[in-house]
Amino acid sequence: MDIAALNPIIKISPRYKRISLYISPKGELAIRSPRNLNAGRIAQILHDAQPWIVRHWKPLIQASPLADGAEIFIFGDPEKLRYMPLESSRAKVEDAGSELHIKAAPGKHSDVLKNWLKKVAKQGIENRVKELAEQFNFSFNRVSVRDQGTRWGSCSTRKNLNFSWRLALAPLAVMDYVIVHELAHTKQMNHSQNFWDLVAQCIPDYQTHIRWLKENGKLLHSY
């Protein structure tokens, strides 16, 4: 592995007490440091940490959940991924029943697939928010579905709701829990006992879904 080619992200902050390496769920390598580092120091850190990087970074990348032949779930439906050659000037994703046919130029299949997933997720999650809000008597202002980083959802004081597109890849019950969690914040902008009582009225087994996210969230964030 060419360690220098990983292009680590350099994060400088006085709250870091020492220099350390970090690998995000997406496979991004970062160097955290309390002070600025010159190129020579960065190269030395990468050289010294090469065994650790190879041990932790390589397995994460090799286990890409969007690889050709992999199976993913979209709103609870299993779909097998099939990478196919580009047949025209336009890349596209075709739903072929239990398979998704991703037609793209070499090296572009995962990007094409991810963009398609984001569009599908946006429409599906927005529709589900409306359904659950009506079912449980919540009101909200606006819904946005985007890349939330490591957050599953959020709610502003203006009742604007934001959700991670990756929720479309989680079990339906888990997605419903996150949506209800944020809808509950439109009435309780906190995590008080009243808030959790409100969530429990709608999703009695919500703690099961919290555990699922803790155990499987890293996998979804690797998409």
C-alpha atoms as a PDB file:
ATOM      1  CA  MET A   1       0.000   0.000   0.000  1.00  0.00           C
ATOM      2  CA  ASP A   2       1.245   3.504  -0.896  1.00  0.00           C
ATOM      3  CA  ILE A   3       0.653   5.245   2.423  1.00  0.00           C
ATOM      4  CA  ALA A   4       1.560   8.679   1.053  1.00  0.00           C
ATOM      5  CA  ALA A   5      -1.189   8.364  -1.577  1.00  0.00           C
ATOM      6  CA  LEU A   6      -3.891   8.224   1.118  1.00  0.00           C
ATOM      7  CA  ASN A   7      -3.816  12.038   1.419  1.00  0.00           C
ATOM      8  CA  PRO A   8      -4.700  12.229   5.125  1.00  0.00           C
ATOM      9  CA  ILE A   9      -6.878  15.059   6.369  1.00  0.00           C
ATOM     10  CA  ILE A  10      -4.932  17.249   8.815  1.00  0.00           C
ATOM     11  CA  LYS A  11      -7.044  18.421  11.763  1.00  0.00           C
ATOM     12  CA  ILE A  12      -5.514  21.028  14.061  1.00  0.00           C
ATOM     13  CA  SER A  13      -7.187  21.887  17.364  1.00  0.00           C
ATOM     14  CA  PRO A  14      -5.954  22.923  20.824  1.00  0.00           C
ATOM     15  CA  ARG A  15      -8.360  20.383  22.329  1.00  0.00           C
ATOM     16  CA  TYR A  16      -6.198  17.566  20.956  1.00  0.00           C
ATOM     17  CA  LYS A  17      -3.646  16.736  23.641  1.00  0.00           C
ATOM     18  CA  ARG A  18      -1.396  14.682  21.364  1.00  0.00           C
ATOM     19  CA  ILE A  19      -0.878  13.696  17.743  1.00  0.00           C
ATOM     20  CA  SER A  20      -3.054  10.747  16.723  1.00  0.00           C
ATOM     21  CA  LEU A  21      -4.456   8.974  13.677  1.00  0.00           C
ATOM     22  CA  TYR A  22      -8.130   8.336  13.005  1.00  0.00           C
ATOM     23  CA  ILE A  23      -9.967   6.383  10.301  1.00  0.00           C
ATOM     24  CA  SER A  24     -13.582   7.400   9.670  1.00  0.00           C
ATOM     25  CA  PRO A  25     -16.332   4.877   8.802  1.00  0.00           C
ATOM     26  CA  LYS A  26     -15.941   6.025   5.172  1.00  0.00           C
ATOM     27  CA  GLY A  27     -12.261   5.099   5.184  1.00  0.00           C
ATOM     28  CA  GLU A  28     -10.914   8.649   5.386  1.00  0.00           C
ATOM     29  CA  LEU A  29      -7.579   8.879   7.181  1.00  0.00           C
ATOM     30  CA  ALA A  30      -7.031  11.882   9.438  1.00  0.00           C
ATOM     31  CA  ILE A  31      -4.136  13.151  11.523  1.00  0.00           C
ATOM     32  CA  ARG A  32      -5.247  14.985  14.643  1.00  0.00           C
ATOM     33  CA  SER A  33      -2.733  17.349  16.187  1.00  0.00           C
ATOM     34  CA  PRO A  34      -2.698  20.219  18.709  1.00  0.00           C
ATOM     35  CA  ARG A  35      -0.262  22.143  16.484  1.00  0.00           C
ATOM     36  CA  ASN A  36       0.652  22.688  12.840  1.00  0.00           C
ATOM     37  CA  LEU A  37       2.723  19.961  11.186  1.00  0.00           C
ATOM     38  CA  ASN A  38       5.201  20.350   8.380  1.00  0.00           C
ATOM     39  CA  ALA A  39       5.403  17.937   5.444  1.00  0.00           C
ATOM     40  CA  GLY A  40       8.384  16.095   6.908  1.00  0.00           C
ATOM     41  CA  ARG A  41       6.611  15.431  10.207  1.00  0.00           C
ATOM     42  CA  ILE A  42       3.471  14.198   8.411  1.00  0.00           C
ATOM     43  CA  ALA A  43       5.545  11.800   6.291  1.00  0.00           C
ATOM     44  CA  GLN A  44       7.262  10.457   9.421  1.00  0.00           C
ATOM     45  CA  ILE A  45       3.928   9.892  11.196  1.00  0.00           C
ATOM     46  CA  LEU A  46       2.571   7.946   8.229  1.00  0.00           C
ATOM     47  CA  HIS A  47       5.753   5.892   7.941  1.00  0.00           C
ATOM     48  CA  ASP A  48       5.780   4.968  11.630  1.00  0.00           C
ATOM     49  CA  ALA A  49       2.059   4.126  11.627  1.00  0.00           C
ATOM     50  CA  GLN A  50       2.083   2.053   8.439  1.00  0.00           C
ATOM     51  CA  PRO A  51       1.385  -1.318  10.167  1.00  0.00           C
ATOM     52  CA  TRP A  52      -1.582   0.181  12.037  1.00  0.00           C
ATOM     53  CA  ILE A  53      -2.953   1.831   8.884  1.00  0.00           C
ATOM     54  CA  VAL A  54      -2.719  -1.358   6.831  1.00  0.00           C
ATOM     55  CA  ARG A  55      -4.388  -3.368   9.599  1.00  0.00           C
ATOM     56  CA  HIS A  56      -7.350  -1.015  10.047  1.00  0.00           C
ATOM     57  CA  TRP A  57      -7.825   0.848   6.773  1.00  0.00           C
ATOM     58  CA  LYS A  58      -7.451  -1.939   4.221  1.00  0.00           C
ATOM     59  CA  PRO A  59     -10.125  -4.292   5.637  1.00  0.00           C
ATOM     60  CA  LEU A  60     -12.597  -1.402   5.839  1.00  0.00           C
ATOM     61  CA  ILE A  61     -12.114  -0.490   2.170  1.00  0.00           C
ATOM     62  CA  GLN A  62     -12.165  -4.102   0.998  1.00  0.00           C
ATOM     63  CA  ALA A  63     -15.519  -4.612   2.721  1.00  0.00           C
ATOM     64  CA  SER A  64     -17.254  -1.984   0.588  1.00  0.00           C
ATOM     65  CA  PRO A  65     -21.019  -2.622   0.798  1.00  0.00           C
ATOM     66  CA  LEU A  66     -21.530  -1.196  -2.704  1.00  0.00           C
ATOM     67  CA  ALA A  67     -19.323  -3.724  -4.481  1.00  0.00           C
ATOM     68  CA  ASP A  68     -20.449  -5.631  -7.551  1.00  0.00           C
ATOM     69  CA  GLY A  69     -22.491  -8.660  -6.467  1.00  0.00           C
ATOM     70  CA  ALA A  70     -23.249  -7.315  -2.995  1.00  0.00           C
ATOM     71  CA  GLU A  71     -26.781  -7.298  -1.593  1.00  0.00           C
ATOM     72  CA  ILE A  72     -28.291  -4.220   0.009  1.00  0.00           C
ATOM     73  CA  PHE A  73     -31.751  -3.387   1.318  1.00  0.00           C
ATOM     74  CA  ILE A  74     -33.689  -0.362   0.084  1.00  0.00           C
ATOM     75  CA  PHE A  75     -36.743   0.411   2.216  1.00  0.00           C
ATOM     76  CA  GLY A  76     -36.724  -3.213   3.327  1.00  0.00           C
ATOM     77  CA  ASP A  77     -36.475  -4.760  -0.154  1.00  0.00           C
ATOM     78  CA  PRO A  78     -33.342  -6.812  -0.956  1.00  0.00           C
ATOM     79  CA  GLU A  79     -31.482  -5.797  -4.114  1.00  0.00           C
ATOM     80  CA  LYS A  80     -28.408  -7.434  -5.607  1.00  0.00           C
ATOM     81  CA  LEU A  81     -25.923  -5.074  -7.237  1.00  0.00           C
ATOM     82  CA  ARG A  82     -24.792  -5.827 -10.773  1.00  0.00           C
ATOM     83  CA  TYR A  83     -22.136  -3.637 -12.344  1.00  0.00           C
ATOM     84  CA  MET A  84     -22.484  -3.494 -16.123  1.00  0.00           C
ATOM     85  CA  PRO A  85     -20.635  -1.699 -18.936  1.00  0.00           C
ATOM     86  CA  LEU A  86     -21.880   1.641 -20.207  1.00  0.00           C
ATOM     87  CA  GLU A  87     -24.231   1.117 -23.169  1.00  0.00           C
ATOM     88  CA  SER A  88     -24.778   4.759 -24.108  1.00  0.00           C
ATOM     89  CA  SER A  89     -23.401   8.189 -23.276  1.00  0.00           C
ATOM     90  CA  ARG A  90     -25.461   8.339 -20.095  1.00  0.00           C
ATOM     91  CA  ALA A  91     -24.828   6.266 -16.976  1.00  0.00           C
ATOM     92  CA  LYS A  92     -27.930   4.930 -15.251  1.00  0.00           C
ATOM     93  CA  VAL A  93     -29.366   2.511 -12.703  1.00  0.00           C
ATOM     94  CA  GLU A  94     -32.118   0.119 -13.757  1.00  0.00           C
ATOM     95  CA  ASP A  95     -34.367  -1.691 -11.279  1.00  0.00           C
ATOM     96  CA  ALA A  96     -34.623  -5.269 -12.601  1.00  0.00           C
ATOM     97  CA  GLY A  97     -36.821  -6.773  -9.920  1.00  0.00           C
ATOM     98  CA  SER A  98     -34.511  -8.201  -7.265  1.00  0.00           C
ATOM     99  CA  GLU A  99     -31.412  -6.708  -8.923  1.00  0.00           C
ATOM    100  CA  LEU A 100     -30.096  -3.237  -9.602  1.00  0.00           C
ATOM    101  CA  HIS A 101     -28.216  -2.951 -12.895  1.00  0.00           C
ATOM    102  CA  ILE A 102     -25.681  -0.143 -12.658  1.00  0.00           C
ATOM    103  CA  LYS A 103     -24.456   0.848 -16.101  1.00  0.00           C
ATOM    104  CA  ALA A 104     -21.477   3.173 -15.969  1.00  0.00           C
ATOM    105  CA  ALA A 105     -17.916   3.735 -17.122  1.00  0.00           C
ATOM    106  CA  PRO A 106     -15.170   1.737 -15.353  1.00  0.00           C
ATOM    107  CA  GLY A 107     -14.539   3.065 -11.855  1.00  0.00           C
ATOM    108  CA  LYS A 108     -17.759   5.114 -11.799  1.00  0.00           C
ATOM    109  CA  HIS A 109     -20.318   2.477 -10.834  1.00  0.00           C
ATOM    110  CA  SER A 110     -20.363   3.172  -7.089  1.00  0.00           C
ATOM    111  CA  ASP A 111     -20.678   6.944  -7.639  1.00  0.00           C
ATOM    112  CA  VAL A 112     -23.577   6.468 -10.061  1.00  0.00           C
ATOM    113  CA  LEU A 113     -25.266   4.067  -7.653  1.00  0.00           C
ATOM    114  CA  LYS A 114     -24.848   6.356  -4.652  1.00  0.00           C
ATOM    115  CA  ASN A 115     -26.350   9.341  -6.503  1.00  0.00           C
ATOM    116  CA  TRP A 116     -29.312   7.177  -7.510  1.00  0.00           C
ATOM    117  CA  LEU A 117     -29.765   5.929  -3.942  1.00  0.00           C
ATOM    118  CA  LYS A 118     -29.826   9.494  -2.619  1.00  0.00           C
ATOM    119  CA  LYS A 119     -32.664  10.432  -4.991  1.00  0.00           C
ATOM    120  CA  VAL A 120     -34.691   7.337  -4.103  1.00  0.00           C
ATOM    121  CA  ALA A 121     -34.070   7.892  -0.399  1.00  0.00           C
ATOM    122  CA  LYS A 122     -35.154  11.533  -0.549  1.00  0.00           C
ATOM    123  CA  GLN A 123     -38.545  10.745  -2.029  1.00  0.00           C
ATOM    124  CA  GLY A 124     -39.205   7.718   0.187  1.00  0.00           C
ATOM    125  CA  ILE A 125     -38.176   9.344   3.461  1.00  0.00           C
ATOM    126  CA  GLU A 126     -40.116  12.536   2.752  1.00  0.00           C
ATOM    127  CA  ASN A 127     -43.261  10.499   2.078  1.00  0.00           C
ATOM    128  CA  ARG A 128     -42.791   8.448   5.252  1.00  0.00           C
ATOM    129  CA  VAL A 129     -42.349  11.587   7.387  1.00  0.00           C
ATOM    130  CA  LYS A 130     -45.708  12.866   6.159  1.00  0.00           C
ATOM    131  CA  GLU A 131     -47.389   9.529   6.887  1.00  0.00           C
ATOM    132  CA  LEU A 132     -46.006   9.226  10.430  1.00  0.00           C
ATOM    133  CA  ALA A 133     -46.701  12.878  11.241  1.00  0.00           C
ATOM    134  CA  GLU A 134     -50.337  12.380  10.275  1.00  0.00           C
ATOM    135  CA  GLN A 135     -50.579   9.047  12.097  1.00  0.00           C
ATOM    136  CA  PHE A 136     -49.212  10.378  15.398  1.00  0.00           C
ATOM    137  CA  ASN A 137     -50.511  13.968  15.184  1.00  0.00           C
ATOM    138  CA  PHE A 138     -47.248  15.846  14.708  1.00  0.00           C
ATOM    139  CA  SER A 139     -46.744  18.994  12.667  1.00  0.00           C
ATOM    140  CA  PHE A 140     -43.531  20.105  10.994  1.00  0.00           C
ATOM    141  CA  ASN A 141     -42.343  22.794   8.635  1.00  0.00           C
ATOM    142  CA  ARG A 142     -39.916  21.352   6.088  1.00  0.00           C
ATOM    143  CA  VAL A 143     -38.081  18.077   5.417  1.00  0.00           C
ATOM    144  CA  SER A 144     -34.575  17.744   3.980  1.00  0.00           C
ATOM    145  CA  VAL A 145     -32.821  14.488   3.126  1.00  0.00           C
ATOM    146  CA  ARG A 146     -29.066  14.725   2.619  1.00  0.00           C
ATOM    147  CA  ASP A 147     -25.684  13.475   3.778  1.00  0.00           C
ATOM    148  CA  GLN A 148     -25.829  14.086   7.531  1.00  0.00           C
ATOM    149  CA  GLY A 149     -22.342  12.790   8.256  1.00  0.00           C
ATOM    150  CA  THR A 150     -22.683  10.578  11.319  1.00  0.00           C
ATOM    151  CA  ARG A 151     -26.086  11.963  12.337  1.00  0.00           C
ATOM    152  CA  TRP A 152     -29.310  10.157  11.483  1.00  0.00           C
ATOM    153  CA  GLY A 153     -31.569  13.148  11.873  1.00  0.00           C
ATOM    154  CA  SER A 154     -32.090  16.536  13.440  1.00  0.00           C
ATOM    155  CA  CYS A 155     -34.875  19.009  14.191  1.00  0.00           C
ATOM    156  CA  SER A 156     -34.550  22.790  14.340  1.00  0.00           C
ATOM    157  CA  THR A 157     -36.500  25.156  16.568  1.00  0.00           C
ATOM    158  CA  ARG A 158     -38.524  26.068  13.467  1.00  0.00           C
ATOM    159  CA  LYS A 159     -39.599  22.429  13.107  1.00  0.00           C
ATOM    160  CA  ASN A 160     -37.417  21.843  10.074  1.00  0.00           C
ATOM    161  CA  LEU A 161     -36.447  18.177   9.910  1.00  0.00           C
ATOM    162  CA  ASN A 162     -33.237  16.784   8.421  1.00  0.00           C
ATOM    163  CA  PHE A 163     -32.512  13.112   7.781  1.00  0.00           C
ATOM    164  CA  SER A 164     -29.615  11.042   6.484  1.00  0.00           C
ATOM    165  CA  TRP A 165     -30.316   9.416   3.122  1.00  0.00           C
ATOM    166  CA  ARG A 166     -28.716   6.239   4.528  1.00  0.00           C
ATOM    167  CA  LEU A 167     -31.859   5.594   6.581  1.00  0.00           C
ATOM    168  CA  ALA A 168     -33.349   4.167   3.381  1.00  0.00           C
ATOM    169  CA  LEU A 169     -30.864   1.283   3.748  1.00  0.00           C
ATOM    170  CA  ALA A 170     -31.860   0.475   7.343  1.00  0.00           C
ATOM    171  CA  PRO A 171     -34.766  -1.776   8.394  1.00  0.00           C
ATOM    172  CA  LEU A 172     -38.096   0.006   7.986  1.00  0.00           C
ATOM    173  CA  ALA A 173     -38.812  -0.099  11.729  1.00  0.00           C
ATOM    174  CA  VAL A 174     -35.455   1.553  12.453  1.00  0.00           C
ATOM    175  CA  MET A 175     -36.117   4.298   9.911  1.00  0.00           C
ATOM    176  CA  ASP A 176     -39.564   4.894  11.446  1.00  0.00           C
ATOM    177  CA  TYR A 177     -37.993   5.219  14.902  1.00  0.00           C
ATOM    178  CA  VAL A 178     -35.545   7.913  13.718  1.00  0.00           C
ATOM    179  CA  ILE A 179     -38.341   9.815  11.979  1.00  0.00           C
ATOM    180  CA  VAL A 180     -40.567   9.681  15.071  1.00  0.00           C
ATOM    181  CA  HIS A 181     -37.592  10.687  17.240  1.00  0.00           C
ATOM    182  CA  GLU A 182     -37.197  13.902  15.268  1.00  0.00           C
ATOM    183  CA  LEU A 183     -40.947  14.508  15.040  1.00  0.00           C
ATOM    184  CA  ALA A 184     -41.098  14.218  18.829  1.00  0.00           C
ATOM    185  CA  HIS A 185     -38.604  17.079  19.017  1.00  0.00           C
ATOM    186  CA  THR A 186     -41.229  19.335  17.443  1.00  0.00           C
ATOM    187  CA  LYS A 187     -43.043  19.061  20.794  1.00  0.00           C
ATOM    188  CA  GLN A 188     -40.121  18.415  23.153  1.00  0.00           C
ATOM    189  CA  MET A 189     -36.890  20.113  22.063  1.00  0.00           C
ATOM    190  CA  ASN A 190     -34.818  18.093  24.535  1.00  0.00           C
ATOM    191  CA  HIS A 191     -34.141  14.530  25.660  1.00  0.00           C
ATOM    192  CA  SER A 192     -36.103  14.727  28.887  1.00  0.00           C
ATOM    193  CA  GLN A 193     -38.232  11.921  30.270  1.00  0.00           C
ATOM    194  CA  ASN A 194     -41.252  13.628  28.710  1.00  0.00           C
ATOM    195  CA  PHE A 195     -39.556  13.382  25.334  1.00  0.00           C
ATOM    196  CA  TRP A 196     -38.836   9.662  25.679  1.00  0.00           C
ATOM    197  CA  ASP A 197     -42.360   9.034  26.957  1.00  0.00           C
ATOM    198  CA  LEU A 198     -43.658  10.694  23.796  1.00  0.00           C
ATOM    199  CA  VAL A 199     -41.425   8.520  21.619  1.00  0.00           C
ATOM    200  CA  ALA A 200     -42.543   5.395  23.501  1.00  0.00           C
ATOM    201  CA  GLN A 201     -46.202   6.222  22.898  1.00  0.00           C
ATOM    202  CA  CYS A 202     -45.523   5.984  19.159  1.00  0.00           C
ATOM    203  CA  ILE A 203     -42.744   3.361  19.084  1.00  0.00           C
ATOM    204  CA  PRO A 204     -42.999   1.192  22.246  1.00  0.00           C
ATOM    205  CA  ASP A 205     -39.902  -0.883  21.345  1.00  0.00           C
ATOM    206  CA  TYR A 206     -37.767   2.117  20.369  1.00  0.00           C
ATOM    207  CA  GLN A 207     -34.824   0.903  22.481  1.00  0.00           C
ATOM    208  CA  THR A 208     -34.474  -2.102  20.155  1.00  0.00           C
ATOM    209  CA  HIS A 209     -33.962   0.261  17.224  1.00  0.00           C
ATOM    210  CA  ILE A 210     -31.443   2.350  19.145  1.00  0.00           C
ATOM    211  CA  ARG A 211     -29.401  -0.801  19.754  1.00  0.00           C
ATOM    212  CA  TRP A 212     -29.602  -1.723  16.063  1.00  0.00           C
ATOM    213  CA  LEU A 213     -28.181   1.657  15.072  1.00  0.00           C
ATOM    214  CA  LYS A 214     -25.359   1.359  17.606  1.00  0.00           C
ATOM    215  CA  GLU A 215     -24.438  -2.094  16.306  1.00  0.00           C
ATOM    216  CA  ASN A 216     -24.882  -1.462  12.580  1.00  0.00           C
ATOM    217  CA  GLY A 217     -24.581   2.274  12.111  1.00  0.00           C
ATOM    218  CA  LYS A 218     -20.907   2.118  11.180  1.00  0.00           C
ATOM    219  CA  LEU A 219     -21.732  -0.147   8.243  1.00  0.00           C
ATOM    220  CA  LEU A 220     -24.363   2.232   6.890  1.00  0.00           C
ATOM    221  CA  HIS A 221     -21.992   5.182   7.257  1.00  0.00           C
ATOM    222  CA  SER A 222     -19.444   3.344   5.115  1.00  0.00           C
ATOM    223  CA  TYR A 223     -21.699   3.750   2.069  1.00  0.00           C
END
